[in-house]
Structure formats: C-alpha cells, structure tokens
C-alpha cells in the first residue's frame, strides 16, 4: 500500500495494485520482519 517505485513506473504499479494483481499480506508477524537469511 505504501511502496513507491520509479517515478515513470508508479502509474503502472498503481494500476496493477488497483486491479488486484497484488495482495497485501497484512496478516504478517511483525517480530519476524528483521530476520534475514
């Protein structure tokens, strides 16, 4: 919902997001976010 890509490509991103191509996994576990392989 708050991701910003390159200026020229932001309209494409917004279009794909609005059509439902991206599903935001807002049910994530916050404590896991700092973990990297």
ModelCIF file with pLDDT and N, C-alpha, C, O atoms, coordinates in Angstrom:
data_MODEL
#
_entry.id   MODEL 
#
_entity.id                         1 
_entity.type                       polymer 
_entity.pdbx_number_of_molecules   1 
#
_entity_poly.entity_id                      1 
_entity_poly.type                           'polypeptide(L)' 
_entity_poly.nstd_linkage                   no 
_entity_poly.nstd_monomer                   no 
_entity_poly.pdbx_seq_one_letter_code       
;(UNK)(UNK)(UNK)(UNK)(UNK)(UNK)(UNK)(UNK)(UNK)(UNK)(UNK)(UNK)(UNK)(UNK)(UNK)(UNK)
(UNK)(UNK)(UNK)(UNK)(UNK)(UNK)(UNK)(UNK)(UNK)(UNK)(UNK)(UNK)(UNK)(UNK)(UNK)(UNK)
(UNK)(UNK)(UNK)(UNK)(UNK)
;
_entity_poly.pdbx_seq_one_letter_code_can   XXXXXXXXXXXXXXXXXXXXXXXXXXXXXXXXXXXXX 
_entity_poly.pdbx_strand_id                 A 
#
loop_
_entity_poly_seq.entity_id 
_entity_poly_seq.num 
_entity_poly_seq.mon_id 
_entity_poly_seq.hetero 
1 1  UNK n 
1 2  UNK n 
1 3  UNK n 
1 4  UNK n 
1 5  UNK n 
1 6  UNK n 
1 7  UNK n 
1 8  UNK n 
1 9  UNK n 
1 10 UNK n 
1 11 UNK n 
1 12 UNK n 
1 13 UNK n 
1 14 UNK n 
1 15 UNK n 
1 16 UNK n 
1 17 UNK n 
1 18 UNK n 
1 19 UNK n 
1 20 UNK n 
1 21 UNK n 
1 22 UNK n 
1 23 UNK n 
1 24 UNK n 
1 25 UNK n 
1 26 UNK n 
1 27 UNK n 
1 28 UNK n 
1 29 UNK n 
1 30 UNK n 
1 31 UNK n 
1 32 UNK n 
1 33 UNK n 
1 34 UNK n 
1 35 UNK n 
1 36 UNK n 
1 37 UNK n 
#
_struct_asym.id          A 
_struct_asym.entity_id   1 
#
loop_
_ma_qa_metric.id 
_ma_qa_metric.mode 
_ma_qa_metric.name 
_ma_qa_metric.software_group_id 
_ma_qa_metric.type 
1 global pLDDT . pLDDT 
2 local  pLDDT . pLDDT 
#
_ma_qa_metric_global.metric_id      1 
_ma_qa_metric_global.metric_value   96.76 
_ma_qa_metric_global.model_id       1 
_ma_qa_metric_global.ordinal_id     1 
#
loop_
_ma_qa_metric_local.label_asym_id 
_ma_qa_metric_local.label_comp_id 
_ma_qa_metric_local.label_seq_id 
_ma_qa_metric_local.metric_id 
_ma_qa_metric_local.metric_value 
_ma_qa_metric_local.model_id 
_ma_qa_metric_local.ordinal_id 
A UNK 1  2 96.00 1 1  
A UNK 2  2 96.00 1 2  
A UNK 3  2 97.00 1 3  
A UNK 4  2 96.00 1 4  
A UNK 5  2 96.00 1 5  
A UNK 6  2 91.00 1 6  
A UNK 7  2 94.00 1 7  
A UNK 8  2 96.00 1 8  
A UNK 9  2 97.00 1 9  
A UNK 10 2 97.00 1 10 
A UNK 11 2 97.00 1 11 
A UNK 12 2 98.00 1 12 
A UNK 13 2 98.00 1 13 
A UNK 14 2 98.00 1 14 
A UNK 15 2 98.00 1 15 
A UNK 16 2 98.00 1 16 
A UNK 17 2 97.00 1 17 
A UNK 18 2 97.00 1 18 
A UNK 19 2 96.00 1 19 
A UNK 20 2 96.00 1 20 
A UNK 21 2 98.00 1 21 
A UNK 22 2 98.00 1 22 
A UNK 23 2 98.00 1 23 
A UNK 24 2 98.00 1 24 
A UNK 25 2 98.00 1 25 
A UNK 26 2 97.00 1 26 
A UNK 27 2 98.00 1 27 
A UNK 28 2 98.00 1 28 
A UNK 29 2 97.00 1 29 
A UNK 30 2 97.00 1 30 
A UNK 31 2 97.00 1 31 
A UNK 32 2 98.00 1 32 
A UNK 33 2 97.00 1 33 
A UNK 34 2 96.00 1 34 
A UNK 35 2 97.00 1 35 
A UNK 36 2 95.00 1 36 
A UNK 37 2 94.00 1 37 
#
loop_
_atom_site.group_PDB 
_atom_site.id 
_atom_site.type_symbol 
_atom_site.label_atom_id 
_atom_site.label_alt_id 
_atom_site.label_comp_id 
_atom_site.label_asym_id 
_atom_site.label_entity_id 
_atom_site.label_seq_id 
_atom_site.pdbx_PDB_ins_code 
_atom_site.Cartn_x 
_atom_site.Cartn_y 
_atom_site.Cartn_z 
_atom_site.occupancy 
_atom_site.B_iso_or_equiv 
_atom_site.pdbx_formal_charge 
_atom_site.auth_seq_id 
_atom_site.auth_comp_id 
_atom_site.auth_asym_id 
_atom_site.auth_atom_id 
_atom_site.pdbx_PDB_model_num 
ATOM 1   N N  . UNK A 1 1  ? 0.792  -1.218  0.000   1.00 96.00 ? 1  UNK A N  1 
ATOM 2   C CA . UNK A 1 1  ? 0.000  0.000   0.000   1.00 96.00 ? 1  UNK A CA 1 
ATOM 3   C C  . UNK A 1 1  ? 0.832  1.279   0.000   1.00 96.00 ? 1  UNK A C  1 
ATOM 4   O O  . UNK A 1 1  ? 0.365  2.315   -0.474  1.00 96.00 ? 1  UNK A O  1 
ATOM 5   N N  . UNK A 1 2  ? 2.052  1.224   0.522   1.00 96.00 ? 2  UNK A N  1 
ATOM 6   C CA . UNK A 1 2  ? 2.842  2.462   0.571   1.00 96.00 ? 2  UNK A CA 1 
ATOM 7   C C  . UNK A 1 2  ? 4.136  2.384   -0.240  1.00 96.00 ? 2  UNK A C  1 
ATOM 8   O O  . UNK A 1 2  ? 4.964  3.292   -0.174  1.00 96.00 ? 2  UNK A O  1 
ATOM 9   N N  . UNK A 1 3  ? 4.313  1.310   -0.999  1.00 97.00 ? 3  UNK A N  1 
ATOM 10  C CA . UNK A 1 3  ? 5.522  1.150   -1.791  1.00 97.00 ? 3  UNK A CA 1 
ATOM 11  C C  . UNK A 1 3  ? 5.579  2.165   -2.929  1.00 97.00 ? 3  UNK A C  1 
ATOM 12  O O  . UNK A 1 3  ? 4.600  2.377   -3.645  1.00 97.00 ? 3  UNK A O  1 
ATOM 13  N N  . UNK A 1 4  ? 6.736  2.782   -3.077  1.00 96.00 ? 4  UNK A N  1 
ATOM 14  C CA . UNK A 1 4  ? 6.969  3.712   -4.170  1.00 96.00 ? 4  UNK A CA 1 
ATOM 15  C C  . UNK A 1 4  ? 8.055  3.126   -5.075  1.00 96.00 ? 4  UNK A C  1 
ATOM 16  O O  . UNK A 1 4  ? 9.140  2.780   -4.608  1.00 96.00 ? 4  UNK A O  1 
ATOM 17  N N  . UNK A 1 5  ? 7.756  3.017   -6.366  1.00 96.00 ? 5  UNK A N  1 
ATOM 18  C CA . UNK A 1 5  ? 8.742  2.565   -7.344  1.00 96.00 ? 5  UNK A CA 1 
ATOM 19  C C  . UNK A 1 5  ? 9.207  3.793   -8.136  1.00 96.00 ? 5  UNK A C  1 
ATOM 20  O O  . UNK A 1 5  ? 8.899  4.922   -7.755  1.00 96.00 ? 5  UNK A O  1 
ATOM 21  N N  . UNK A 1 6  ? 9.940  3.585   -9.225  1.00 91.00 ? 6  UNK A N  1 
ATOM 22  C CA . UNK A 1 6  ? 10.411 4.719   -10.012 1.00 91.00 ? 6  UNK A CA 1 
ATOM 23  C C  . UNK A 1 6  ? 9.273  5.600   -10.488 1.00 91.00 ? 6  UNK A C  1 
ATOM 24  O O  . UNK A 1 6  ? 8.165  5.120   -10.729 1.00 91.00 ? 6  UNK A O  1 
ATOM 25  N N  . UNK A 1 7  ? 9.548  6.893   -10.623 1.00 94.00 ? 7  UNK A N  1 
ATOM 26  C CA . UNK A 1 7  ? 8.511  7.866   -10.970 1.00 94.00 ? 7  UNK A CA 1 
ATOM 27  C C  . UNK A 1 7  ? 7.768  7.492   -12.252 1.00 94.00 ? 7  UNK A C  1 
ATOM 28  O O  . UNK A 1 7  ? 6.543  7.597   -12.321 1.00 94.00 ? 7  UNK A O  1 
ATOM 29  N N  . UNK A 1 8  ? 8.512  7.056   -13.261 1.00 96.00 ? 8  UNK A N  1 
ATOM 30  C CA . UNK A 1 8  ? 7.878  6.725   -14.542 1.00 96.00 ? 8  UNK A CA 1 
ATOM 31  C C  . UNK A 1 8  ? 7.004  5.475   -14.443 1.00 96.00 ? 8  UNK A C  1 
ATOM 32  O O  . UNK A 1 8  ? 6.054  5.314   -15.209 1.00 96.00 ? 8  UNK A O  1 
ATOM 33  N N  . UNK A 1 9  ? 7.331  4.589   -13.491 1.00 97.00 ? 9  UNK A N  1 
ATOM 34  C CA . UNK A 1 9  ? 6.622  3.310   -13.397 1.00 97.00 ? 9  UNK A CA 1 
ATOM 35  C C  . UNK A 1 9  ? 5.552  3.300   -12.310 1.00 97.00 ? 9  UNK A C  1 
ATOM 36  O O  . UNK A 1 9  ? 4.792  2.339   -12.195 1.00 97.00 ? 9  UNK A O  1 
ATOM 37  N N  . UNK A 1 10 ? 5.490  4.376   -11.506 1.00 97.00 ? 10 UNK A N  1 
ATOM 38  C CA . UNK A 1 10 ? 4.494  4.395   -10.435 1.00 97.00 ? 10 UNK A CA 1 
ATOM 39  C C  . UNK A 1 10 ? 3.059  4.275   -10.965 1.00 97.00 ? 10 UNK A C  1 
ATOM 40  O O  . UNK A 1 10 ? 2.254  3.587   -10.338 1.00 97.00 ? 10 UNK A O  1 
ATOM 41  N N  . UNK A 1 11 ? 2.698  4.914   -12.095 1.00 97.00 ? 11 UNK A N  1 
ATOM 42  C CA . UNK A 1 11 ? 1.330  4.724   -12.616 1.00 97.00 ? 11 UNK A CA 1 
ATOM 43  C C  . UNK A 1 11 ? 1.043  3.270   -12.976 1.00 97.00 ? 11 UNK A C  1 
ATOM 44  O O  . UNK A 1 11 ? -0.071 2.791   -12.766 1.00 97.00 ? 11 UNK A O  1 
ATOM 45  N N  . UNK A 1 12 ? 2.034  2.563   -13.516 1.00 98.00 ? 12 UNK A N  1 
ATOM 46  C CA . UNK A 1 12 ? 1.844  1.136   -13.825 1.00 98.00 ? 12 UNK A CA 1 
ATOM 47  C C  . UNK A 1 12 ? 1.654  0.344   -12.546 1.00 98.00 ? 12 UNK A C  1 
ATOM 48  O O  . UNK A 1 12 ? 0.785  -0.525  -12.468 1.00 98.00 ? 12 UNK A O  1 
ATOM 49  N N  . UNK A 1 13 ? 2.474  0.649   -11.536 1.00 98.00 ? 13 UNK A N  1 
ATOM 50  C CA . UNK A 1 13 ? 2.329  -0.024  -10.241 1.00 98.00 ? 13 UNK A CA 1 
ATOM 51  C C  . UNK A 1 13 ? 0.938  0.219   -9.666  1.00 98.00 ? 13 UNK A C  1 
ATOM 52  O O  . UNK A 1 13 ? 0.275  -0.719  -9.224  1.00 98.00 ? 13 UNK A O  1 
ATOM 53  N N  . UNK A 1 14 ? 0.497  1.463   -9.670  1.00 98.00 ? 14 UNK A N  1 
ATOM 54  C CA . UNK A 1 14 ? -0.808 1.805   -9.087  1.00 98.00 ? 14 UNK A CA 1 
ATOM 55  C C  . UNK A 1 14 ? -1.935 1.102   -9.839  1.00 98.00 ? 14 UNK A C  1 
ATOM 56  O O  . UNK A 1 14 ? -2.902 0.644   -9.230  1.00 98.00 ? 14 UNK A O  1 
ATOM 57  N N  . UNK A 1 15 ? -1.809 1.018   -11.154 1.00 98.00 ? 15 UNK A N  1 
ATOM 58  C CA . UNK A 1 15 ? -2.837 0.337   -11.949 1.00 98.00 ? 15 UNK A CA 1 
ATOM 59  C C  . UNK A 1 15 ? -2.921 -1.138  -11.564 1.00 98.00 ? 15 UNK A C  1 
ATOM 60  O O  . UNK A 1 15 ? -4.012 -1.660  -11.333 1.00 98.00 ? 15 UNK A O  1 
ATOM 61  N N  . UNK A 1 16 ? -1.769 -1.813  -11.494 1.00 98.00 ? 16 UNK A N  1 
ATOM 62  C CA . UNK A 1 16 ? -1.768 -3.239  -11.167 1.00 98.00 ? 16 UNK A CA 1 
ATOM 63  C C  . UNK A 1 16 ? -2.284 -3.473  -9.745  1.00 98.00 ? 16 UNK A C  1 
ATOM 64  O O  . UNK A 1 16 ? -2.987 -4.448  -9.479  1.00 98.00 ? 16 UNK A O  1 
ATOM 65  N N  . UNK A 1 17 ? -1.927 -2.577  -8.852  1.00 97.00 ? 17 UNK A N  1 
ATOM 66  C CA . UNK A 1 17 ? -2.394 -2.711  -7.477  1.00 97.00 ? 17 UNK A CA 1 
ATOM 67  C C  . UNK A 1 17 ? -3.912 -2.535  -7.399  1.00 97.00 ? 17 UNK A C  1 
ATOM 68  O O  . UNK A 1 17 ? -4.590 -3.281  -6.693  1.00 97.00 ? 17 UNK A O  1 
ATOM 69  N N  . UNK A 1 18 ? -4.437 -1.558  -8.116  1.00 97.00 ? 18 UNK A N  1 
ATOM 70  C CA . UNK A 1 18 ? -5.882 -1.290  -8.090  1.00 97.00 ? 18 UNK A CA 1 
ATOM 71  C C  . UNK A 1 18 ? -6.691 -2.422  -8.727  1.00 97.00 ? 18 UNK A C  1 
ATOM 72  O O  . UNK A 1 18 ? -7.825 -2.679  -8.322  1.00 97.00 ? 18 UNK A O  1 
ATOM 73  N N  . UNK A 1 19 ? -6.115 -3.093  -9.717  1.00 96.00 ? 19 UNK A N  1 
ATOM 74  C CA . UNK A 1 19 ? -6.838 -4.200  -10.362 1.00 96.00 ? 19 UNK A CA 1 
ATOM 75  C C  . UNK A 1 19 ? -6.770 -5.498  -9.561  1.00 96.00 ? 19 UNK A C  1 
ATOM 76  O O  . UNK A 1 19 ? -7.374 -6.499  -9.944  1.00 96.00 ? 19 UNK A O  1 
ATOM 77  N N  . UNK A 1 20 ? -6.031 -5.481  -8.444  1.00 96.00 ? 20 UNK A N  1 
ATOM 78  C CA . UNK A 1 20 ? -5.973 -6.653  -7.570  1.00 96.00 ? 20 UNK A CA 1 
ATOM 79  C C  . UNK A 1 20 ? -4.866 -7.623  -7.882  1.00 96.00 ? 20 UNK A C  1 
ATOM 80  O O  . UNK A 1 20 ? -4.898 -8.756  -7.400  1.00 96.00 ? 20 UNK A O  1 
ATOM 81  N N  . UNK A 1 21 ? -3.876 -7.222  -8.676  1.00 98.00 ? 21 UNK A N  1 
ATOM 82  C CA . UNK A 1 21 ? -2.773 -8.119  -9.002  1.00 98.00 ? 21 UNK A CA 1 
ATOM 83  C C  . UNK A 1 21 ? -1.860 -8.359  -7.809  1.00 98.00 ? 21 UNK A C  1 
ATOM 84  O O  . UNK A 1 21 ? -1.198 -9.393  -7.729  1.00 98.00 ? 21 UNK A O  1 
ATOM 85  N N  . UNK A 1 22 ? -1.823 -7.402  -6.877  1.00 98.00 ? 22 UNK A N  1 
ATOM 86  C CA . UNK A 1 22 ? -1.011 -7.534  -5.670  1.00 98.00 ? 22 UNK A CA 1 
ATOM 87  C C  . UNK A 1 22 ? -1.938 -7.727  -4.471  1.00 98.00 ? 22 UNK A C  1 
ATOM 88  O O  . UNK A 1 22 ? -2.916 -6.997  -4.308  1.00 98.00 ? 22 UNK A O  1 
ATOM 89  N N  . UNK A 1 23 ? -1.625 -8.707  -3.641  1.00 98.00 ? 23 UNK A N  1 
ATOM 90  C CA . UNK A 1 23 ? -2.384 -8.943  -2.418  1.00 98.00 ? 23 UNK A CA 1 
ATOM 91  C C  . UNK A 1 23 ? -1.476 -8.618  -1.241  1.00 98.00 ? 23 UNK A C  1 
ATOM 92  O O  . UNK A 1 23 ? -0.438 -9.253  -1.055  1.00 98.00 ? 23 UNK A O  1 
ATOM 93  N N  . UNK A 1 24 ? -1.866 -7.641  -0.457  1.00 98.00 ? 24 UNK A N  1 
ATOM 94  C CA . UNK A 1 24 ? -1.079 -7.189  0.688   1.00 98.00 ? 24 UNK A CA 1 
ATOM 95  C C  . UNK A 1 24 ? -1.244 -8.179  1.842   1.00 98.00 ? 24 UNK A C  1 
ATOM 96  O O  . UNK A 1 24 ? -2.352 -8.378  2.339   1.00 98.00 ? 24 UNK A O  1 
ATOM 97  N N  . UNK A 1 25 ? -0.140 -8.797  2.265   1.00 98.00 ? 25 UNK A N  1 
ATOM 98  C CA . UNK A 1 25 ? -0.202 -9.739  3.381   1.00 98.00 ? 25 UNK A CA 1 
ATOM 99  C C  . UNK A 1 25 ? -0.093 -8.964  4.695   1.00 98.00 ? 25 UNK A C  1 
ATOM 100 O O  . UNK A 1 25 ? 0.957  -8.911  5.337   1.00 98.00 ? 25 UNK A O  1 
ATOM 101 N N  . UNK A 1 26 ? -1.218 -8.372  5.058   1.00 97.00 ? 26 UNK A N  1 
ATOM 102 C CA . UNK A 1 26 ? -1.252 -7.568  6.280   1.00 97.00 ? 26 UNK A CA 1 
ATOM 103 C C  . UNK A 1 26 ? -1.421 -8.421  7.525   1.00 97.00 ? 26 UNK A C  1 
ATOM 104 O O  . UNK A 1 26 ? -1.481 -7.894  8.636   1.00 97.00 ? 26 UNK A O  1 
ATOM 105 N N  . UNK A 1 27 ? -1.499 -9.739  7.347   1.00 98.00 ? 27 UNK A N  1 
ATOM 106 C CA . UNK A 1 27 ? -1.637 -10.657 8.481   1.00 98.00 ? 27 UNK A CA 1 
ATOM 107 C C  . UNK A 1 27 ? -0.282 -11.221 8.904   1.00 98.00 ? 27 UNK A C  1 
ATOM 108 O O  . UNK A 1 27 ? -0.224 -12.295 9.503   1.00 98.00 ? 27 UNK A O  1 
ATOM 109 N N  . UNK A 1 28 ? 0.791  -10.524 8.605   1.00 98.00 ? 28 UNK A N  1 
ATOM 110 C CA . UNK A 1 28 ? 2.151  -10.979 8.896   1.00 98.00 ? 28 UNK A CA 1 
ATOM 111 C C  . UNK A 1 28 ? 2.468  -10.909 10.392  1.00 98.00 ? 28 UNK A C  1 
ATOM 112 O O  . UNK A 1 28 ? 1.722  -10.319 11.173  1.00 98.00 ? 28 UNK A O  1 
ATOM 113 N N  . UNK A 1 29 ? 3.580  -11.521 10.766  1.00 97.00 ? 29 UNK A N  1 
ATOM 114 C CA . UNK A 1 29 ? 4.053  -11.484 12.146  1.00 97.00 ? 29 UNK A CA 1 
ATOM 115 C C  . UNK A 1 29 ? 5.119  -10.402 12.275  1.00 97.00 ? 29 UNK A C  1 
ATOM 116 O O  . UNK A 1 29 ? 6.219  -10.581 11.752  1.00 97.00 ? 29 UNK A O  1 
ATOM 117 N N  . UNK A 1 30 ? 4.843  -9.295  12.944  1.00 97.00 ? 30 UNK A N  1 
ATOM 118 C CA . UNK A 1 30 ? 5.780  -8.158  12.996  1.00 97.00 ? 30 UNK A CA 1 
ATOM 119 C C  . UNK A 1 30 ? 7.174  -8.521  13.505  1.00 97.00 ? 30 UNK A C  1 
ATOM 120 O O  . UNK A 1 30 ? 8.171  -7.982  13.025  1.00 97.00 ? 30 UNK A O  1 
ATOM 121 N N  . UNK A 1 31 ? 7.243  -9.431  14.475  1.00 97.00 ? 31 UNK A N  1 
ATOM 122 C CA . UNK A 1 31 ? 8.543  -9.769  15.080  1.00 97.00 ? 31 UNK A CA 1 
ATOM 123 C C  . UNK A 1 31 ? 9.486  -10.440 14.077  1.00 97.00 ? 31 UNK A C  1 
ATOM 124 O O  . UNK A 1 31 ? 10.697 -10.481 14.293  1.00 97.00 ? 31 UNK A O  1 
ATOM 125 N N  . UNK A 1 32 ? 8.931  -10.962 12.984  1.00 98.00 ? 32 UNK A N  1 
ATOM 126 C CA . UNK A 1 32 ? 9.766  -11.679 12.018  1.00 98.00 ? 32 UNK A CA 1 
ATOM 127 C C  . UNK A 1 32 ? 10.430 -10.749 10.995  1.00 98.00 ? 32 UNK A C  1 
ATOM 128 O O  . UNK A 1 32 ? 11.376 -11.158 10.322  1.00 98.00 ? 32 UNK A O  1 
ATOM 129 N N  . UNK A 1 33 ? 9.960  -9.535  10.871  1.00 97.00 ? 33 UNK A N  1 
ATOM 130 C CA . UNK A 1 33 ? 10.435 -8.665  9.802   1.00 97.00 ? 33 UNK A CA 1 
ATOM 131 C C  . UNK A 1 33 ? 11.944 -8.404  9.812   1.00 97.00 ? 33 UNK A C  1 
ATOM 132 O O  . UNK A 1 33 ? 12.532 -8.281  8.737   1.00 97.00 ? 33 UNK A O  1 
ATOM 133 N N  . UNK A 1 34 ? 12.595 -8.313  10.968  1.00 96.00 ? 34 UNK A N  1 
ATOM 134 C CA . UNK A 1 34 ? 14.050 -8.049  10.935  1.00 96.00 ? 34 UNK A CA 1 
ATOM 135 C C  . UNK A 1 34 ? 14.882 -9.254  10.509  1.00 96.00 ? 34 UNK A C  1 
ATOM 136 O O  . UNK A 1 34 ? 16.080 -9.103  10.268  1.00 96.00 ? 34 UNK A O  1 
ATOM 137 N N  . UNK A 1 35 ? 14.294 -10.439 10.408  1.00 97.00 ? 35 UNK A N  1 
ATOM 138 C CA . UNK A 1 35 ? 15.063 -11.663 10.159  1.00 97.00 ? 35 UNK A CA 1 
ATOM 139 C C  . UNK A 1 35 ? 15.413 -11.784 8.672   1.00 97.00 ? 35 UNK A C  1 
ATOM 140 O O  . UNK A 1 35 ? 14.545 -11.692 7.804   1.00 97.00 ? 35 UNK A O  1 
ATOM 141 N N  . UNK A 1 36 ? 16.708 -11.993 8.401   1.00 95.00 ? 36 UNK A N  1 
ATOM 142 C CA . UNK A 1 36 ? 17.192 -12.172 7.034   1.00 95.00 ? 36 UNK A CA 1 
ATOM 143 C C  . UNK A 1 36 ? 18.014 -13.456 6.959   1.00 95.00 ? 36 UNK A C  1 
ATOM 144 O O  . UNK A 1 36 ? 18.769 -13.761 7.882   1.00 95.00 ? 36 UNK A O  1 
ATOM 145 N N  . UNK A 1 37 ? 17.873 -14.213 5.863   1.00 94.00 ? 37 UNK A N  1 
ATOM 146 C CA . UNK A 1 37 ? 18.596 -15.480 5.715   1.00 94.00 ? 37 UNK A CA 1 
ATOM 147 C C  . UNK A 1 37 ? 20.101 -15.284 5.820   1.00 94.00 ? 37 UNK A C  1 
ATOM 148 O O  . UNK A 1 37 ? 20.858 -16.249 5.717   1.00 94.00 ? 37 UNK A O  1 
#
